[in-house]
Amino acid sequence: QVLAQPELAGMDLIIGPVYKSGAKLLSRYARDDQIACVNPLSQDEELVLENPWHYLFAPSAATQGRVAAQFAANAFGLGRPAILLNEDGYDDAAFATAYKVTYEALGGKFSATRHFNAEDAAATSAAFTGLDLVGAGHVMVASDNRHTGAVALAALRATAPGSARPPIVCPSAWLENPRLDLGQLSGNLYFVQSKYFDENAPGFRRFRQLHLQSQHLPPSVYASQG
């Protein structure tokens, strides 16, 4: 109903929608009417493929997967096989697929790839059972569910203690998980943070100064990301 309003055809820019159900409708509208559209929340790469009028505010899950795989190949090398575990949600599956394709294209191999229902504690535990963690070059865990981090780190402590523990790459949401303390998170962990900004960068410091002058408040995390 909103897209049918005649005044919308005269817009220069549309930002939205908040809910995912309308994203594909707006993507087609942007392409057909050639109006620039920015989706502030979605990580779905399919919304912007072959559509020069539609943009994602944050990198897609697939782009994050590709960049993470490139980082892992450079940081950990390709000599030993990796392990890839992902939650079976749409974005996590897209991340894992892109990660696997990119890592293998770079010459890497996997000793195990598994997906699991993170809402099922037994299924999550089973996904981390029987893995050759000591022989792994690294472990990629694509799941920000609050259960996953605790299970993953417990499995690493139990089967790959101390110096035998491989690097683990995981979502930055683990840093905000109340089930994990700093002692568990300190070590050979690498976090995928798609909305990172450098507070020490000259550009950010200048933005913060101007924001304080204008609003008399420090910028929120949303303003900083924008």
C-alpha atoms as a PDB file:
ATOM      1  CA  GLN A   1       0.000   0.000   0.000  1.00  0.00           C
ATOM      2  CA  VAL A   2       2.835   2.414   0.803  1.00  0.00           C
ATOM      3  CA  LEU A   3       4.650   1.713  -2.461  1.00  0.00           C
ATOM      4  CA  ALA A   4       1.416   2.354  -4.374  1.00  0.00           C
ATOM      5  CA  GLN A   5       1.277   5.978  -3.180  1.00  0.00           C
ATOM      6  CA  PRO A   6       1.975   8.248  -6.197  1.00  0.00           C
ATOM      7  CA  GLU A   7       4.223  10.637  -4.261  1.00  0.00           C
ATOM      8  CA  LEU A   8       6.679   7.819  -3.615  1.00  0.00           C
ATOM      9  CA  ALA A   9       7.593   7.710  -7.305  1.00  0.00           C
ATOM     10  CA  GLY A  10       9.112  11.186  -6.949  1.00  0.00           C
ATOM     11  CA  MET A  11      11.489  10.327  -4.117  1.00  0.00           C
ATOM     12  CA  ASP A  12      15.281  10.616  -4.509  1.00  0.00           C
ATOM     13  CA  LEU A  13      16.053   8.110  -1.740  1.00  0.00           C
ATOM     14  CA  ILE A  14      14.115   5.509   0.232  1.00  0.00           C
ATOM     15  CA  ILE A  15      15.435   4.021   3.484  1.00  0.00           C
ATOM     16  CA  GLY A  16      13.851   0.825   4.749  1.00  0.00           C
ATOM     17  CA  PRO A  17      12.049  -1.363   5.441  1.00  0.00           C
ATOM     18  CA  VAL A  18      12.441  -2.298   9.092  1.00  0.00           C
ATOM     19  CA  TYR A  19      10.839  -5.709   8.625  1.00  0.00           C
ATOM     20  CA  LYS A  20      12.376  -8.336   6.367  1.00  0.00           C
ATOM     21  CA  SER A  21       9.056  -9.334   4.793  1.00  0.00           C
ATOM     22  CA  GLY A  22       8.951  -6.139   2.736  1.00  0.00           C
ATOM     23  CA  ALA A  23      12.589  -6.121   1.650  1.00  0.00           C
ATOM     24  CA  LYS A  24      12.131  -7.989  -1.637  1.00  0.00           C
ATOM     25  CA  LEU A  25       9.141  -5.825  -2.580  1.00  0.00           C
ATOM     26  CA  LEU A  26      11.161  -2.653  -2.050  1.00  0.00           C
ATOM     27  CA  SER A  27      14.138  -4.110  -3.903  1.00  0.00           C
ATOM     28  CA  ARG A  28      12.006  -4.687  -7.007  1.00  0.00           C
ATOM     29  CA  TYR A  29      10.411  -1.241  -6.636  1.00  0.00           C
ATOM     30  CA  ALA A  30      13.826   0.436  -6.462  1.00  0.00           C
ATOM     31  CA  ARG A  31      14.991  -1.359  -9.613  1.00  0.00           C
ATOM     32  CA  ASP A  32      11.800  -0.852 -11.635  1.00  0.00           C
ATOM     33  CA  ASP A  33      11.384   2.838 -10.726  1.00  0.00           C
ATOM     34  CA  GLN A  34      15.136   3.567 -10.528  1.00  0.00           C
ATOM     35  CA  ILE A  35      15.018   5.111  -7.080  1.00  0.00           C
ATOM     36  CA  ALA A  36      17.981   4.585  -4.765  1.00  0.00           C
ATOM     37  CA  CYS A  37      17.060   2.464  -1.755  1.00  0.00           C
ATOM     38  CA  VAL A  38      19.126   1.667   1.359  1.00  0.00           C
ATOM     39  CA  ASN A  39      18.186  -1.304   3.533  1.00  0.00           C
ATOM     40  CA  PRO A  40      19.386  -0.504   7.075  1.00  0.00           C
ATOM     41  CA  LEU A  41      19.111  -3.977   8.609  1.00  0.00           C
ATOM     42  CA  SER A  42      19.261  -6.877   6.151  1.00  0.00           C
ATOM     43  CA  GLN A  43      22.377  -8.941   5.440  1.00  0.00           C
ATOM     44  CA  ASP A  44      20.774 -10.699   2.437  1.00  0.00           C
ATOM     45  CA  GLU A  45      23.068 -10.427  -0.592  1.00  0.00           C
ATOM     46  CA  GLU A  46      20.273 -11.488  -2.971  1.00  0.00           C
ATOM     47  CA  LEU A  47      18.504  -8.158  -2.406  1.00  0.00           C
ATOM     48  CA  VAL A  48      21.265  -6.222  -4.161  1.00  0.00           C
ATOM     49  CA  LEU A  49      22.554  -8.669  -6.781  1.00  0.00           C
ATOM     50  CA  GLU A  50      22.046  -7.267 -10.297  1.00  0.00           C
ATOM     51  CA  ASN A  51      20.255  -4.265  -8.790  1.00  0.00           C
ATOM     52  CA  PRO A  52      22.278  -1.018  -9.002  1.00  0.00           C
ATOM     53  CA  TRP A  53      19.505   0.896  -7.180  1.00  0.00           C
ATOM     54  CA  HIS A  54      19.477  -1.092  -3.960  1.00  0.00           C
ATOM     55  CA  TYR A  55      22.130  -0.946  -1.211  1.00  0.00           C
ATOM     56  CA  LEU A  56      22.725  -2.692   2.101  1.00  0.00           C
ATOM     57  CA  PHE A  57      23.846  -0.548   5.028  1.00  0.00           C
ATOM     58  CA  ALA A  58      26.022  -3.372   6.392  1.00  0.00           C
ATOM     59  CA  PRO A  59      28.023  -5.971   4.427  1.00  0.00           C
ATOM     60  CA  SER A  60      25.980  -9.030   3.518  1.00  0.00           C
ATOM     61  CA  ALA A  61      26.457 -12.317   5.362  1.00  0.00           C
ATOM     62  CA  ALA A  62      28.026 -13.759   2.209  1.00  0.00           C
ATOM     63  CA  THR A  63      30.508 -10.873   1.942  1.00  0.00           C
ATOM     64  CA  GLN A  64      31.430 -11.328   5.597  1.00  0.00           C
ATOM     65  CA  GLY A  65      32.014 -15.025   4.923  1.00  0.00           C
ATOM     66  CA  ARG A  66      34.289 -14.340   1.965  1.00  0.00           C
ATOM     67  CA  VAL A  67      36.371 -11.750   3.819  1.00  0.00           C
ATOM     68  CA  ALA A  68      36.619 -13.950   6.931  1.00  0.00           C
ATOM     69  CA  ALA A  69      37.867 -16.867   4.808  1.00  0.00           C
ATOM     70  CA  GLN A  70      40.506 -14.666   3.199  1.00  0.00           C
ATOM     71  CA  PHE A  71      41.613 -13.490   6.636  1.00  0.00           C
ATOM     72  CA  ALA A  72      41.800 -17.067   7.961  1.00  0.00           C
ATOM     73  CA  ALA A  73      43.843 -18.249   4.980  1.00  0.00           C
ATOM     74  CA  ASN A  74      46.343 -15.428   5.458  1.00  0.00           C
ATOM     75  CA  ALA A  75      46.468 -15.541   9.263  1.00  0.00           C
ATOM     76  CA  PHE A  76      46.497 -19.282   9.906  1.00  0.00           C
ATOM     77  CA  GLY A  77      47.820 -20.699   6.645  1.00  0.00           C
ATOM     78  CA  LEU A  78      46.472 -23.574   4.571  1.00  0.00           C
ATOM     79  CA  GLY A  79      48.743 -26.379   5.757  1.00  0.00           C
ATOM     80  CA  ARG A  80      46.198 -28.036   8.040  1.00  0.00           C
ATOM     81  CA  PRO A  81      42.487 -28.581   7.345  1.00  0.00           C
ATOM     82  CA  ALA A  82      39.933 -26.285   8.937  1.00  0.00           C
ATOM     83  CA  ILE A  83      36.638 -27.062  10.659  1.00  0.00           C
ATOM     84  CA  LEU A  84      33.460 -25.169   9.724  1.00  0.00           C
ATOM     85  CA  LEU A  85      30.387 -25.227  11.960  1.00  0.00           C
ATOM     86  CA  ASN A  86      27.311 -23.082  11.393  1.00  0.00           C
ATOM     87  CA  GLU A  87      23.853 -22.513  12.757  1.00  0.00           C
ATOM     88  CA  ASP A  88      21.184 -23.464  10.223  1.00  0.00           C
ATOM     89  CA  GLY A  89      19.586 -20.012  10.002  1.00  0.00           C
ATOM     90  CA  TYR A  90      19.484 -18.189   6.648  1.00  0.00           C
ATOM     91  CA  ASP A  91      22.258 -15.650   7.291  1.00  0.00           C
ATOM     92  CA  ASP A  92      24.539 -18.154   9.035  1.00  0.00           C
ATOM     93  CA  ALA A  93      24.105 -20.620   6.166  1.00  0.00           C
ATOM     94  CA  ALA A  94      24.908 -17.890   3.621  1.00  0.00           C
ATOM     95  CA  PHE A  95      28.001 -16.935   5.616  1.00  0.00           C
ATOM     96  CA  ALA A  96      29.160 -20.567   5.853  1.00  0.00           C
ATOM     97  CA  THR A  97      28.595 -21.280   2.156  1.00  0.00           C
ATOM     98  CA  ALA A  98      30.610 -18.235   1.102  1.00  0.00           C
ATOM     99  CA  TYR A  99      33.307 -19.089   3.650  1.00  0.00           C
ATOM    100  CA  LYS A 100      33.666 -22.647   2.377  1.00  0.00           C
ATOM    101  CA  VAL A 101      33.725 -21.705  -1.304  1.00  0.00           C
ATOM    102  CA  THR A 102      36.283 -18.925  -0.772  1.00  0.00           C
ATOM    103  CA  TYR A 103      38.557 -20.936   1.522  1.00  0.00           C
ATOM    104  CA  GLU A 104      38.621 -23.892  -0.872  1.00  0.00           C
ATOM    105  CA  ALA A 105      39.248 -21.587  -3.837  1.00  0.00           C
ATOM    106  CA  LEU A 106      42.327 -20.303  -2.005  1.00  0.00           C
ATOM    107  CA  GLY A 107      43.592 -23.870  -1.617  1.00  0.00           C
ATOM    108  CA  GLY A 108      42.262 -24.694   1.837  1.00  0.00           C
ATOM    109  CA  LYS A 109      40.560 -27.897   2.912  1.00  0.00           C
ATOM    110  CA  PHE A 110      38.090 -28.896   5.634  1.00  0.00           C
ATOM    111  CA  SER A 111      38.240 -31.952   7.854  1.00  0.00           C
ATOM    112  CA  ALA A 112      34.609 -31.371   8.886  1.00  0.00           C
ATOM    113  CA  THR A 113      31.683 -29.100   7.947  1.00  0.00           C
ATOM    114  CA  ARG A 114      28.523 -29.298  10.036  1.00  0.00           C
ATOM    115  CA  HIS A 115      25.351 -27.307  10.585  1.00  0.00           C
ATOM    116  CA  PHE A 116      23.100 -27.507  13.626  1.00  0.00           C
ATOM    117  CA  ASN A 117      19.985 -26.129  15.293  1.00  0.00           C
ATOM    118  CA  ALA A 118      21.385 -23.776  17.910  1.00  0.00           C
ATOM    119  CA  GLU A 119      18.093 -23.724  19.826  1.00  0.00           C
ATOM    120  CA  ASP A 120      18.542 -27.444  20.523  1.00  0.00           C
ATOM    121  CA  ALA A 121      21.209 -27.870  23.207  1.00  0.00           C
ATOM    122  CA  ALA A 122      21.724 -31.550  22.352  1.00  0.00           C
ATOM    123  CA  ALA A 123      22.154 -30.787  18.640  1.00  0.00           C
ATOM    124  CA  THR A 124      24.655 -28.045  19.428  1.00  0.00           C
ATOM    125  CA  SER A 125      26.695 -30.347  21.647  1.00  0.00           C
ATOM    126  CA  ALA A 126      26.591 -33.101  19.018  1.00  0.00           C
ATOM    127  CA  ALA A 127      27.991 -30.722  16.388  1.00  0.00           C
ATOM    128  CA  PHE A 128      31.157 -30.308  18.466  1.00  0.00           C
ATOM    129  CA  THR A 129      31.565 -34.015  19.215  1.00  0.00           C
ATOM    130  CA  GLY A 130      34.151 -36.201  17.479  1.00  0.00           C
ATOM    131  CA  LEU A 131      36.069 -33.377  15.806  1.00  0.00           C
ATOM    132  CA  ASP A 132      39.845 -33.458  15.292  1.00  0.00           C
ATOM    133  CA  LEU A 133      40.380 -30.138  17.046  1.00  0.00           C
ATOM    134  CA  VAL A 134      44.060 -30.742  17.763  1.00  0.00           C
ATOM    135  CA  GLY A 135      44.784 -31.318  14.075  1.00  0.00           C
ATOM    136  CA  ALA A 136      42.718 -28.368  12.833  1.00  0.00           C
ATOM    137  CA  GLY A 137      44.331 -25.284  11.338  1.00  0.00           C
ATOM    138  CA  HIS A 138      41.447 -23.242  12.738  1.00  0.00           C
ATOM    139  CA  VAL A 139      37.775 -23.571  13.658  1.00  0.00           C
ATOM    140  CA  MET A 140      35.100 -21.293  12.186  1.00  0.00           C
ATOM    141  CA  VAL A 141      31.850 -21.155  14.192  1.00  0.00           C
ATOM    142  CA  ALA A 142      29.081 -19.173  12.474  1.00  0.00           C
ATOM    143  CA  SER A 143      26.482 -18.825  15.225  1.00  0.00           C
ATOM    144  CA  ASP A 144      25.767 -15.947  17.595  1.00  0.00           C
ATOM    145  CA  ASN A 145      23.288 -17.977  19.646  1.00  0.00           C
ATOM    146  CA  ARG A 146      24.020 -17.653  23.369  1.00  0.00           C
ATOM    147  CA  HIS A 147      24.279 -21.449  23.746  1.00  0.00           C
ATOM    148  CA  THR A 148      26.848 -21.956  20.997  1.00  0.00           C
ATOM    149  CA  GLY A 149      29.780 -20.044  22.448  1.00  0.00           C
ATOM    150  CA  ALA A 150      29.679 -21.838  25.778  1.00  0.00           C
ATOM    151  CA  VAL A 151      29.469 -25.260  24.118  1.00  0.00           C
ATOM    152  CA  ALA A 152      32.254 -24.465  21.626  1.00  0.00           C
ATOM    153  CA  LEU A 153      34.706 -23.213  24.225  1.00  0.00           C
ATOM    154  CA  ALA A 154      33.947 -26.118  26.552  1.00  0.00           C
ATOM    155  CA  ALA A 155      34.665 -28.580  23.720  1.00  0.00           C
ATOM    156  CA  LEU A 156      37.958 -26.852  22.972  1.00  0.00           C
ATOM    157  CA  ARG A 157      39.019 -26.930  26.619  1.00  0.00           C
ATOM    158  CA  ALA A 158      38.143 -30.611  26.912  1.00  0.00           C
ATOM    159  CA  THR A 159      39.754 -31.959  23.728  1.00  0.00           C
ATOM    160  CA  ALA A 160      42.405 -29.410  22.779  1.00  0.00           C
ATOM    161  CA  PRO A 161      43.879 -27.950  25.963  1.00  0.00           C
ATOM    162  CA  GLY A 162      46.599 -25.335  26.153  1.00  0.00           C
ATOM    163  CA  SER A 163      48.947 -24.875  23.221  1.00  0.00           C
ATOM    164  CA  ALA A 164      47.154 -27.578  21.193  1.00  0.00           C
ATOM    165  CA  ARG A 165      44.039 -25.403  20.927  1.00  0.00           C
ATOM    166  CA  PRO A 166      43.457 -24.169  17.357  1.00  0.00           C
ATOM    167  CA  PRO A 167      42.439 -20.583  16.577  1.00  0.00           C
ATOM    168  CA  ILE A 168      38.680 -20.095  16.648  1.00  0.00           C
ATOM    169  CA  VAL A 169      36.869 -17.522  14.504  1.00  0.00           C
ATOM    170  CA  CYS A 170      33.419 -16.524  15.751  1.00  0.00           C
ATOM    171  CA  PRO A 171      30.840 -13.706  15.719  1.00  0.00           C
ATOM    172  CA  SER A 172      31.532 -10.612  17.799  1.00  0.00           C
ATOM    173  CA  ALA A 173      28.196 -11.253  19.555  1.00  0.00           C
ATOM    174  CA  TRP A 174      30.084 -13.722  21.760  1.00  0.00           C
ATOM    175  CA  LEU A 175      31.645 -10.703  23.471  1.00  0.00           C
ATOM    176  CA  GLU A 176      28.184  -9.701  24.715  1.00  0.00           C
ATOM    177  CA  ASN A 177      27.151 -13.186  25.820  1.00  0.00           C
ATOM    178  CA  PRO A 178      26.502 -13.195  29.601  1.00  0.00           C
ATOM    179  CA  ARG A 179      27.271 -16.918  29.700  1.00  0.00           C
ATOM    180  CA  LEU A 180      30.898 -16.230  28.755  1.00  0.00           C
ATOM    181  CA  ASP A 181      33.370 -14.409  30.979  1.00  0.00           C
ATOM    182  CA  LEU A 182      36.574 -12.638  29.989  1.00  0.00           C
ATOM    183  CA  GLY A 183      38.668 -15.598  31.070  1.00  0.00           C
ATOM    184  CA  GLN A 184      36.925 -17.795  28.524  1.00  0.00           C
ATOM    185  CA  LEU A 185      37.190 -15.177  25.779  1.00  0.00           C
ATOM    186  CA  SER A 186      40.878 -14.464  26.286  1.00  0.00           C
ATOM    187  CA  GLY A 187      43.075 -16.633  24.112  1.00  0.00           C
ATOM    188  CA  ASN A 188      43.216 -17.663  20.519  1.00  0.00           C
ATOM    189  CA  LEU A 189      39.878 -16.134  19.490  1.00  0.00           C
ATOM    190  CA  TYR A 190      39.180 -13.919  16.481  1.00  0.00           C
ATOM    191  CA  PHE A 191      35.902 -12.031  16.172  1.00  0.00           C
ATOM    192  CA  VAL A 192      33.991 -11.179  12.999  1.00  0.00           C
ATOM    193  CA  GLN A 193      32.761  -7.610  13.555  1.00  0.00           C
ATOM    194  CA  SER A 194      30.885  -6.241  10.545  1.00  0.00           C
ATOM    195  CA  LYS A 195      30.156  -2.852  12.151  1.00  0.00           C
ATOM    196  CA  TYR A 196      33.595  -2.073  13.537  1.00  0.00           C
ATOM    197  CA  PHE A 197      34.774   1.533  13.613  1.00  0.00           C
ATOM    198  CA  ASP A 198      38.129   2.816  14.820  1.00  0.00           C
ATOM    199  CA  GLU A 199      37.566   5.337  17.618  1.00  0.00           C
ATOM    200  CA  ASN A 200      41.200   6.470  17.328  1.00  0.00           C
ATOM    201  CA  ALA A 201      41.024   7.281  13.627  1.00  0.00           C
ATOM    202  CA  PRO A 202      41.314  11.021  12.821  1.00  0.00           C
ATOM    203  CA  GLY A 203      38.060  10.945  10.850  1.00  0.00           C
ATOM    204  CA  PHE A 204      36.123   9.442  13.743  1.00  0.00           C
ATOM    205  CA  ARG A 205      37.596  11.870  16.257  1.00  0.00           C
ATOM    206  CA  ARG A 206      36.563  14.780  14.028  1.00  0.00           C
ATOM    207  CA  PHE A 207      33.046  13.325  13.651  1.00  0.00           C
ATOM    208  CA  ARG A 208      32.761  12.932  17.413  1.00  0.00           C
ATOM    209  CA  GLN A 209      33.874  16.541  17.967  1.00  0.00           C
ATOM    210  CA  LEU A 210      31.302  17.883  15.498  1.00  0.00           C
ATOM    211  CA  HIS A 211      28.571  15.684  16.963  1.00  0.00           C
ATOM    212  CA  LEU A 212      29.292  16.993  20.474  1.00  0.00           C
ATOM    213  CA  GLN A 213      29.213  20.585  19.242  1.00  0.00           C
ATOM    214  CA  SER A 214      25.904  20.041  17.480  1.00  0.00           C
ATOM    215  CA  GLN A 215      24.014  17.712  19.833  1.00  0.00           C
ATOM    216  CA  HIS A 216      25.816  18.315  23.164  1.00  0.00           C
ATOM    217  CA  LEU A 217      25.882  14.527  23.561  1.00  0.00           C
ATOM    218  CA  PRO A 218      28.400  11.881  22.501  1.00  0.00           C
ATOM    219  CA  PRO A 219      27.342   9.967  19.385  1.00  0.00           C
ATOM    220  CA  SER A 220      25.421   6.744  19.931  1.00  0.00           C
ATOM    221  CA  VAL A 221      26.686   3.472  18.466  1.00  0.00           C
ATOM    222  CA  TYR A 222      24.154   3.882  15.640  1.00  0.00           C
ATOM    223  CA  ALA A 223      25.323   7.381  14.804  1.00  0.00           C
ATOM    224  CA  SER A 224      28.933   6.180  14.892  1.00  0.00           C
ATOM    225  CA  GLN A 225      28.217   3.297  12.525  1.00  0.00           C
ATOM    226  CA  GLY A 226      26.365   5.614  10.178  1.00  0.00           C
END
